[in-house]
C-alpha atoms as a PDB file:
ATOM      1  CA  MET A   1      -3.100  -3.043  -0.343  1.00  0.00           C
ATOM      2  CA  GLY A   2      -2.835  -0.627   2.101  1.00  0.00           C
ATOM      3  CA  ALA A   3      -4.869   3.211   0.607  1.00  0.00           C
ATOM      4  CA  GLY A   4      -3.082   5.002   3.393  1.00  0.00           C
ATOM      5  CA  PHE A   5      -5.027   8.180   2.430  1.00  0.00           C
ATOM      6  CA  ASP A   6      -7.252  10.629   3.994  1.00  0.00           C
ATOM      7  CA  THR A   7      -7.313  13.661   3.231  1.00  0.00           C
ATOM      8  CA  ALA A   8     -10.634  13.857   1.587  1.00  0.00           C
ATOM      9  CA  VAL A   9     -11.778  13.932   5.161  1.00  0.00           C
ATOM     10  CA  THR A  10     -14.959  16.056   5.794  1.00  0.00           C
ATOM     11  CA  ALA A  11     -13.848  15.741  10.041  1.00  0.00           C
ATOM     12  CA  ARG A  12     -11.285  14.284  11.809  1.00  0.00           C
ATOM     13  CA  PRO A  13      -8.512  12.861   9.525  1.00  0.00           C
ATOM     14  CA  GLY A  14      -6.121   9.564  10.997  1.00  0.00           C
ATOM     15  CA  ALA A  15      -7.134   6.888   8.855  1.00  0.00           C
ATOM     16  CA  ARG A  16      -4.475   7.240   7.287  1.00  0.00           C
ATOM     17  CA  PHE A  17      -2.663   4.759   9.973  1.00  0.00           C
ATOM     18  CA  GLY A  18      -5.222   2.497   9.183  1.00  0.00           C
ATOM     19  CA  PRO A  19      -3.568  -0.479   6.545  1.00  0.00           C
ATOM     20  CA  GLN A  20      -1.103  -0.374   9.071  1.00  0.00           C
ATOM     21  CA  GLY A  21      -2.906  -0.672  12.420  1.00  0.00           C
ATOM     22  CA  VAL A  22      -5.037  -3.439  11.276  1.00  0.00           C
ATOM     23  CA  ARG A  23      -1.792  -5.592  10.532  1.00  0.00           C
ATOM     24  CA  GLN A  24      -0.634  -5.221  13.394  1.00  0.00           C
ATOM     25  CA  GLY A  25      -3.789  -5.970  15.247  1.00  0.00           C
ATOM     26  CA  SER A  26      -3.465  -9.087  13.357  1.00  0.00           C
ATOM     27  CA  ARG A  27      -0.481 -10.285  14.537  1.00  0.00           C
ATOM     28  CA  ARG A  28      -1.199 -11.891  17.288  1.00  0.00           C
ATOM     29  CA  ILE A  29      -3.331 -14.508  15.291  1.00  0.00           C
ATOM     30  CA  SER A  30      -1.385 -17.595  13.612  1.00  0.00           C
ATOM     31  CA  PRO A  31      -2.568 -20.789  11.873  1.00  0.00           C
ATOM     32  CA  ASP A  32      -2.055 -22.292  15.494  1.00  0.00           C
ATOM     33  CA  PHE A  33      -3.927 -19.890  16.985  1.00  0.00           C
ATOM     34  CA  ALA A  34      -6.942 -19.636  14.673  1.00  0.00           C
ATOM     35  CA  TYR A  35      -9.672 -21.272  14.607  1.00  0.00           C
ATOM     36  CA  ASP A  36     -13.436 -20.793  15.216  1.00  0.00           C
ATOM     37  CA  ILE A  37     -15.285 -22.762  16.717  1.00  0.00           C
ATOM     38  CA  SER A  38     -18.281 -20.639  15.999  1.00  0.00           C
ATOM     39  CA  THR A  39     -17.334 -21.984  11.729  1.00  0.00           C
ATOM     40  CA  ASN A  40     -14.841 -24.503  12.367  1.00  0.00           C
ATOM     41  CA  GLU A  41     -12.292 -23.325  10.332  1.00  0.00           C
ATOM     42  CA  ASN A  42      -9.218 -22.193  10.443  1.00  0.00           C
ATOM     43  CA  ILE A  43      -8.944 -18.751   8.676  1.00  0.00           C
ATOM     44  CA  TYR A  44      -5.299 -19.701   7.931  1.00  0.00           C
ATOM     45  CA  ARG A  45      -5.699 -22.969   6.547  1.00  0.00           C
ATOM     46  CA  ASP A  46      -9.002 -22.058   4.205  1.00  0.00           C
ATOM     47  CA  TRP A  47      -9.676 -21.784   1.041  1.00  0.00           C
ATOM     48  CA  ALA A  48      -7.822 -18.218   0.237  1.00  0.00           C
ATOM     49  CA  LYS A  49      -5.024 -17.325  -0.609  1.00  0.00           C
ATOM     50  CA  VAL A  50      -3.815 -14.157   0.075  1.00  0.00           C
ATOM     51  CA  VAL A  51      -0.912 -11.810  -0.308  1.00  0.00           C
ATOM     52  CA  ASP A  52      -0.390  -8.755   1.204  1.00  0.00           C
ATOM     53  CA  CYS A  53       1.332  -6.346  -1.545  1.00  0.00           C
ATOM     54  CA  GLY A  54       2.257  -3.659   1.268  1.00  0.00           C
ATOM     55  CA  ASP A  55       0.400   0.311   1.015  1.00  0.00           C
ATOM     56  CA  ALA A  56       0.652   2.117  -1.810  1.00  0.00           C
ATOM     57  CA  PRO A  57       3.201   4.984  -1.820  1.00  0.00           C
ATOM     58  CA  LEU A  58       0.458   8.408  -2.012  1.00  0.00           C
ATOM     59  CA  THR A  59       1.390  12.325  -1.286  1.00  0.00           C
ATOM     60  CA  TYR A  60      -0.604  13.010   1.972  1.00  0.00           C
ATOM     61  CA  LEU A  61       0.082  16.971  -0.384  1.00  0.00           C
ATOM     62  CA  ASP A  62      -1.835  16.911  -2.916  1.00  0.00           C
ATOM     63  CA  ASN A  63      -5.717  14.348  -3.451  1.00  0.00           C
ATOM     64  CA  THR A  64      -5.990  14.343  -7.049  1.00  0.00           C
ATOM     65  CA  ALA A  65      -2.485  13.047  -7.409  1.00  0.00           C
ATOM     66  CA  ALA A  66      -2.749  10.712  -4.323  1.00  0.00           C
ATOM     67  CA  LEU A  67      -5.641   9.013  -5.807  1.00  0.00           C
ATOM     68  CA  LYS A  68      -3.332   9.455  -9.153  1.00  0.00           C
ATOM     69  CA  GLN A  69      -1.220   7.485  -7.399  1.00  0.00           C
ATOM     70  CA  LEU A  70      -3.488   4.718  -6.206  1.00  0.00           C
ATOM     71  CA  ASP A  71      -5.075   4.480  -9.973  1.00  0.00           C
ATOM     72  CA  PHE A  72      -2.088   3.247 -10.732  1.00  0.00           C
ATOM     73  CA  ALA A  73      -1.027   1.163  -7.490  1.00  0.00           C
ATOM     74  CA  HIS A  74      -4.742  -0.811  -8.654  1.00  0.00           C
ATOM     75  CA  LYS A  75      -3.481  -0.636 -12.345  1.00  0.00           C
ATOM     76  CA  LEU A  76      -0.241  -2.065 -11.570  1.00  0.00           C
ATOM     77  CA  VAL A  77      -1.591  -4.865  -8.359  1.00  0.00           C
ATOM     78  CA  ALA A  78      -4.809  -6.491 -11.242  1.00  0.00           C
ATOM     79  CA  GLY A  79      -2.240  -7.134 -13.822  1.00  0.00           C
ATOM     80  CA  ARG A  80      -0.464 -10.181 -11.873  1.00  0.00           C
ATOM     81  CA  ARG A  81      -2.010 -13.105 -11.866  1.00  0.00           C
ATOM     82  CA  ALA A  82      -3.813 -14.603  -9.787  1.00  0.00           C
ATOM     83  CA  ASN A  83      -3.215 -18.196  -8.268  1.00  0.00           C
ATOM     84  CA  ASN A  84      -6.279 -19.980  -9.197  1.00  0.00           C
ATOM     85  CA  SER A  85      -7.623 -21.586 -11.145  1.00  0.00           C
ATOM     86  CA  GLU A  86     -11.039 -20.637 -11.922  1.00  0.00           C
ATOM     87  CA  TYR A  87      -9.891 -16.772 -12.379  1.00  0.00           C
ATOM     88  CA  SER A  88      -6.946 -15.336 -13.376  1.00  0.00           C
ATOM     89  CA  THR A  89      -7.605 -12.323 -12.603  1.00  0.00           C
ATOM     90  CA  PRO A  90      -6.930 -11.331  -8.863  1.00  0.00           C
ATOM     91  CA  ARG A  91      -9.326  -9.852  -7.072  1.00  0.00           C
ATOM     92  CA  ILE A  92      -8.300  -7.232  -4.790  1.00  0.00           C
ATOM     93  CA  LEU A  93      -8.674  -5.655  -0.876  1.00  0.00           C
ATOM     94  CA  VAL A  94      -7.992  -2.695   0.020  1.00  0.00           C
ATOM     95  CA  LEU A  95      -7.136  -1.352   3.533  1.00  0.00           C
ATOM     96  CA  GLY A  96      -7.847   2.040   4.289  1.00  0.00           C
ATOM     97  CA  GLY A  97      -7.584   5.092   4.365  1.00  0.00           C
ATOM     98  CA  ASP A  98     -10.873   7.456   3.929  1.00  0.00           C
ATOM     99  CA  HIS A  99     -13.521   5.649   1.652  1.00  0.00           C
ATOM    100  CA  THR A 100     -12.915   8.516  -1.322  1.00  0.00           C
ATOM    101  CA  THR A 101      -9.971   5.215  -2.147  1.00  0.00           C
ATOM    102  CA  THR A 102     -13.167   3.145  -3.086  1.00  0.00           C
ATOM    103  CA  LEU A 103     -13.541   5.371  -6.059  1.00  0.00           C
ATOM    104  CA  SER A 104      -9.712   4.257  -7.653  1.00  0.00           C
ATOM    105  CA  ALA A 105     -10.325   0.858  -6.723  1.00  0.00           C
ATOM    106  CA  LEU A 106     -13.805   0.889  -8.595  1.00  0.00           C
ATOM    107  CA  ARG A 107     -11.435   2.300 -12.200  1.00  0.00           C
ATOM    108  CA  SER A 108      -9.822  -0.472 -11.729  1.00  0.00           C
ATOM    109  CA  THR A 109     -12.228  -2.525 -11.186  1.00  0.00           C
ATOM    110  CA  ILE A 110     -13.881  -1.958 -14.235  1.00  0.00           C
ATOM    111  CA  ALA A 111     -11.167  -2.898 -16.410  1.00  0.00           C
ATOM    112  CA  HIS A 112     -11.459  -6.409 -15.437  1.00  0.00           C
ATOM    113  CA  TRP A 113     -15.100  -7.058 -14.931  1.00  0.00           C
ATOM    114  CA  GLY A 114     -16.568  -4.191 -16.492  1.00  0.00           C
ATOM    115  CA  ALA A 115     -19.237  -1.795 -14.169  1.00  0.00           C
ATOM    116  CA  VAL A 116     -20.271  -3.529 -11.171  1.00  0.00           C
ATOM    117  CA  SER A 117     -23.071  -3.258  -8.847  1.00  0.00           C
ATOM    118  CA  VAL A 118     -21.632  -2.299  -5.029  1.00  0.00           C
ATOM    119  CA  ILE A 119     -22.492  -3.532  -1.604  1.00  0.00           C
ATOM    120  CA  HIS A 120     -22.289  -0.264   0.574  1.00  0.00           C
ATOM    121  CA  PHE A 121     -21.958  -0.644   4.192  1.00  0.00           C
ATOM    122  CA  ASP A 122     -21.764   2.668   5.383  1.00  0.00           C
ATOM    123  CA  SER A 123     -23.995   4.477   7.984  1.00  0.00           C
ATOM    124  CA  HIS A 124     -24.141   7.216   5.240  1.00  0.00           C
ATOM    125  CA  LEU A 125     -25.160   8.404   1.648  1.00  0.00           C
ATOM    126  CA  ASP A 126     -21.814   8.780   0.442  1.00  0.00           C
ATOM    127  CA  SER A 127     -23.131   9.998  -2.868  1.00  0.00           C
ATOM    128  CA  TRP A 128     -23.931  13.299  -2.592  1.00  0.00           C
ATOM    129  CA  ASP A 129     -23.764  15.889  -5.419  1.00  0.00           C
ATOM    130  CA  PRO A 130     -20.315  17.179  -5.073  1.00  0.00           C
ATOM    131  CA  GLU A 131     -22.200  20.936  -4.930  1.00  0.00           C
ATOM    132  CA  VAL A 132     -23.685  19.704  -1.280  1.00  0.00           C
ATOM    133  CA  VAL A 133     -20.343  18.115   0.262  1.00  0.00           C
ATOM    134  CA  GLY A 134     -17.703  20.582  -0.742  1.00  0.00           C
ATOM    135  CA  GLY A 135     -19.484  23.005  -1.325  1.00  0.00           C
ATOM    136  CA  GLY A 136     -19.211  23.647  -5.472  1.00  0.00           C
ATOM    137  CA  ILE A 137     -16.193  25.485  -4.028  1.00  0.00           C
ATOM    138  CA  SER A 138     -13.670  23.556  -6.359  1.00  0.00           C
ATOM    139  CA  HIS A 139     -13.026  20.011  -8.837  1.00  0.00           C
ATOM    140  CA  TYR A 140     -10.550  19.404  -6.635  1.00  0.00           C
ATOM    141  CA  ALA A 141     -12.618  20.056  -3.167  1.00  0.00           C
ATOM    142  CA  GLY A 142     -15.665  18.101  -4.565  1.00  0.00           C
ATOM    143  CA  VAL A 143     -13.907  14.434  -5.280  1.00  0.00           C
ATOM    144  CA  ASN A 144     -14.136  13.329  -0.827  1.00  0.00           C
ATOM    145  CA  HIS A 145     -15.391  10.588   0.940  1.00  0.00           C
ATOM    146  CA  GLY A 146     -19.008  11.748   1.091  1.00  0.00           C
ATOM    147  CA  THR A 147     -19.520  12.147  -2.987  1.00  0.00           C
ATOM    148  CA  PHE A 148     -16.994   9.470  -4.343  1.00  0.00           C
ATOM    149  CA  LEU A 149     -20.268   7.083  -5.152  1.00  0.00           C
ATOM    150  CA  HIS A 150     -21.911  10.411  -7.067  1.00  0.00           C
ATOM    151  CA  ILE A 151     -18.682   9.676  -9.330  1.00  0.00           C
ATOM    152  CA  ALA A 152     -17.987   6.849 -10.033  1.00  0.00           C
ATOM    153  CA  HIS A 153     -22.030   6.519 -10.602  1.00  0.00           C
ATOM    154  CA  GLU A 154     -20.819   9.518 -13.128  1.00  0.00           C
ATOM    155  CA  GLU A 155     -17.963   7.923 -14.995  1.00  0.00           C
ATOM    156  CA  GLY A 156     -20.250   5.296 -15.139  1.00  0.00           C
ATOM    157  CA  LEU A 157     -18.309   2.296 -12.773  1.00  0.00           C
ATOM    158  CA  ILE A 158     -21.731   0.908 -11.440  1.00  0.00           C
ATOM    159  CA  THR A 159     -24.121  -0.421 -12.098  1.00  0.00           C
ATOM    160  CA  ASN A 160     -27.656   0.400 -11.506  1.00  0.00           C
ATOM    161  CA  SER A 161     -28.458  -2.808  -9.304  1.00  0.00           C
ATOM    162  CA  SER A 162     -25.970  -1.186  -5.675  1.00  0.00           C
ATOM    163  CA  VAL A 163     -27.210  -0.568  -2.889  1.00  0.00           C
ATOM    164  CA  HIS A 164     -26.678   0.731   1.028  1.00  0.00           C
ATOM    165  CA  ALA A 165     -25.925  -1.298   4.250  1.00  0.00           C
ATOM    166  CA  GLY A 166     -27.126   0.101   7.744  1.00  0.00           C
ATOM    167  CA  ILE A 167     -27.913   3.917   6.183  1.00  0.00           C
ATOM    168  CA  ARG A 168     -28.499   5.827   9.150  1.00  0.00           C
ATOM    169  CA  THR A 169     -27.197   9.459   9.894  1.00  0.00           C
ATOM    170  CA  PRO A 170     -28.184  12.449   8.432  1.00  0.00           C
ATOM    171  CA  VAL A 171     -29.355  13.739   5.269  1.00  0.00           C
ATOM    172  CA  PHE A 172     -28.241  17.599   3.817  1.00  0.00           C
ATOM    173  CA  ARG A 173     -31.603  17.819   1.347  1.00  0.00           C
ATOM    174  CA  PRO A 174     -34.193  15.550   2.759  1.00  0.00           C
ATOM    175  CA  LYS A 175     -36.093  14.787  -0.472  1.00  0.00           C
ATOM    176  CA  GLU A 176     -33.053  15.700  -3.582  1.00  0.00           C
ATOM    177  CA  ASP A 177     -30.452  13.862  -1.571  1.00  0.00           C
ATOM    178  CA  VAL A 178     -32.397  10.881  -1.628  1.00  0.00           C
ATOM    179  CA  ARG A 179     -32.858  11.564  -5.394  1.00  0.00           C
ATOM    180  CA  ASN A 180     -29.992  11.718  -6.704  1.00  0.00           C
ATOM    181  CA  ASP A 181     -28.736   8.749  -4.737  1.00  0.00           C
ATOM    182  CA  VAL A 182     -31.638   6.645  -6.587  1.00  0.00           C
ATOM    183  CA  ARG A 183     -30.627   8.213  -9.705  1.00  0.00           C
ATOM    184  CA  CYS A 184     -26.519   7.227  -8.946  1.00  0.00           C
ATOM    185  CA  GLY A 185     -28.226   3.396  -9.124  1.00  0.00           C
ATOM    186  CA  PHE A 186     -29.132   2.749  -5.407  1.00  0.00           C
ATOM    187  CA  ASP A 187     -31.760   1.254  -2.988  1.00  0.00           C
ATOM    188  CA  ILE A 188     -30.941   1.865   0.858  1.00  0.00           C
ATOM    189  CA  VAL A 189     -31.421   0.015   3.570  1.00  0.00           C
ATOM    190  CA  LYS A 190     -31.426   1.466   7.119  1.00  0.00           C
ATOM    191  CA  ALA A 191     -29.829   0.628   9.992  1.00  0.00           C
ATOM    192  CA  THR A 192     -33.262   0.544  11.725  1.00  0.00           C
ATOM    193  CA  ASP A 193     -34.785  -2.300   8.537  1.00  0.00           C
ATOM    194  CA  ILE A 194     -32.715  -4.964  10.795  1.00  0.00           C
ATOM    195  CA  ASP A 195     -35.382  -4.776  13.452  1.00  0.00           C
ATOM    196  CA  ARG A 196     -38.195  -6.234  10.880  1.00  0.00           C
ATOM    197  CA  LEU A 197     -36.283  -7.965   8.313  1.00  0.00           C
ATOM    198  CA  GLY A 198     -33.694  -9.725  10.447  1.00  0.00           C
ATOM    199  CA  THR A 199     -29.929 -10.637   9.525  1.00  0.00           C
ATOM    200  CA  GLN A 200     -31.193 -13.138   7.032  1.00  0.00           C
ATOM    201  CA  GLY A 201     -34.140 -11.003   5.530  1.00  0.00           C
ATOM    202  CA  ILE A 202     -31.506  -7.980   5.118  1.00  0.00           C
ATOM    203  CA  ILE A 203     -29.074 -10.882   3.590  1.00  0.00           C
ATOM    204  CA  ASP A 204     -31.822 -11.616   0.925  1.00  0.00           C
ATOM    205  CA  ARG A 205     -33.193  -8.623   0.239  1.00  0.00           C
ATOM    206  CA  LEU A 206     -29.248  -7.385  -0.982  1.00  0.00           C
ATOM    207  CA  LYS A 207     -28.883 -10.849  -3.043  1.00  0.00           C
ATOM    208  CA  GLU A 208     -32.449  -9.760  -4.535  1.00  0.00           C
ATOM    209  CA  ARG A 209     -31.155  -6.579  -5.097  1.00  0.00           C
ATOM    210  CA  VAL A 210     -28.009  -6.921  -6.654  1.00  0.00           C
ATOM    211  CA  GLY A 211     -29.454  -9.933  -8.465  1.00  0.00           C
ATOM    212  CA  GLN A 212     -26.586 -12.290 -10.615  1.00  0.00           C
ATOM    213  CA  SER A 213     -24.455  -8.933 -11.759  1.00  0.00           C
ATOM    214  CA  ASN A 214     -20.524  -9.280 -10.345  1.00  0.00           C
ATOM    215  CA  VAL A 215     -20.746  -6.883  -7.226  1.00  0.00           C
ATOM    216  CA  TYR A 216     -18.471  -4.657  -5.215  1.00  0.00           C
ATOM    217  CA  ILE A 217     -18.334  -4.615  -1.595  1.00  0.00           C
ATOM    218  CA  SER A 218     -17.271  -1.410   0.249  1.00  0.00           C
ATOM    219  CA  VAL A 219     -17.300  -0.964   4.177  1.00  0.00           C
ATOM    220  CA  ASP A 220     -16.863   1.393   6.057  1.00  0.00           C
ATOM    221  CA  ILE A 221     -16.331   1.136   9.894  1.00  0.00           C
ATOM    222  CA  ASP A 222     -19.253   3.527  10.819  1.00  0.00           C
ATOM    223  CA  VAL A 223     -21.356   1.073   9.769  1.00  0.00           C
ATOM    224  CA  LEU A 224     -21.691   0.033  12.894  1.00  0.00           C
ATOM    225  CA  ASP A 225     -22.788   0.560  15.772  1.00  0.00           C
ATOM    226  CA  PRO A 226     -20.293   3.234  17.916  1.00  0.00           C
ATOM    227  CA  ALA A 227     -20.383   1.756  20.898  1.00  0.00           C
ATOM    228  CA  TYR A 228     -18.889  -1.375  18.800  1.00  0.00           C
ATOM    229  CA  ALA A 229     -16.173   1.219  17.381  1.00  0.00           C
ATOM    230  CA  PRO A 230     -15.819   4.003  20.047  1.00  0.00           C
ATOM    231  CA  GLY A 231     -12.868   6.066  18.304  1.00  0.00           C
ATOM    232  CA  GLU A 232     -14.470   5.482  14.812  1.00  0.00           C
END
């Protein structure tokens, strides 16, 4: 499901066009040209059954209204029965949109799966106190792409066994921001940790952190090195 929302960013907008961009970029792939020689699999003929639900209709003029619209879209899609013999609730893959859209996804997730551990791939914490990112100007300004994990914690949507992976950017308050992040239930795997732990070491640490809990995976494009995603 596409979530073309980008009016809660603190920098450059444009992520509202992300869902259509992902679809456009994937149109060159077809069932006859999708065999991966590294995995020996054809993604079109693999186990997953995927339905494109289109984009949730969201206003660009009111963040609060837009998130309510996205909450409703999640409720509608999650209320449909999955074509799966193991579980009836569909697992929704959301294409953003700025990272604030994860808040609506987590609000939907708790209704069907309970509070979840979050594996958050990002270069930023995104768990900042709204008084810091948003400046305490208003509740409206405090709900944004840098605070949604803090808000998710406050709403009881996530567990205390969550983890960031790929953190490499500055924080506003060296001690207070990290302390608040821990209070929100997160451990931190820094981008530089891959040099010491290696790929498998990072995977093992993430799995150890979340244990047997239900997990929501969230990925921000800026977790990639800017050399590989220069337009992020």
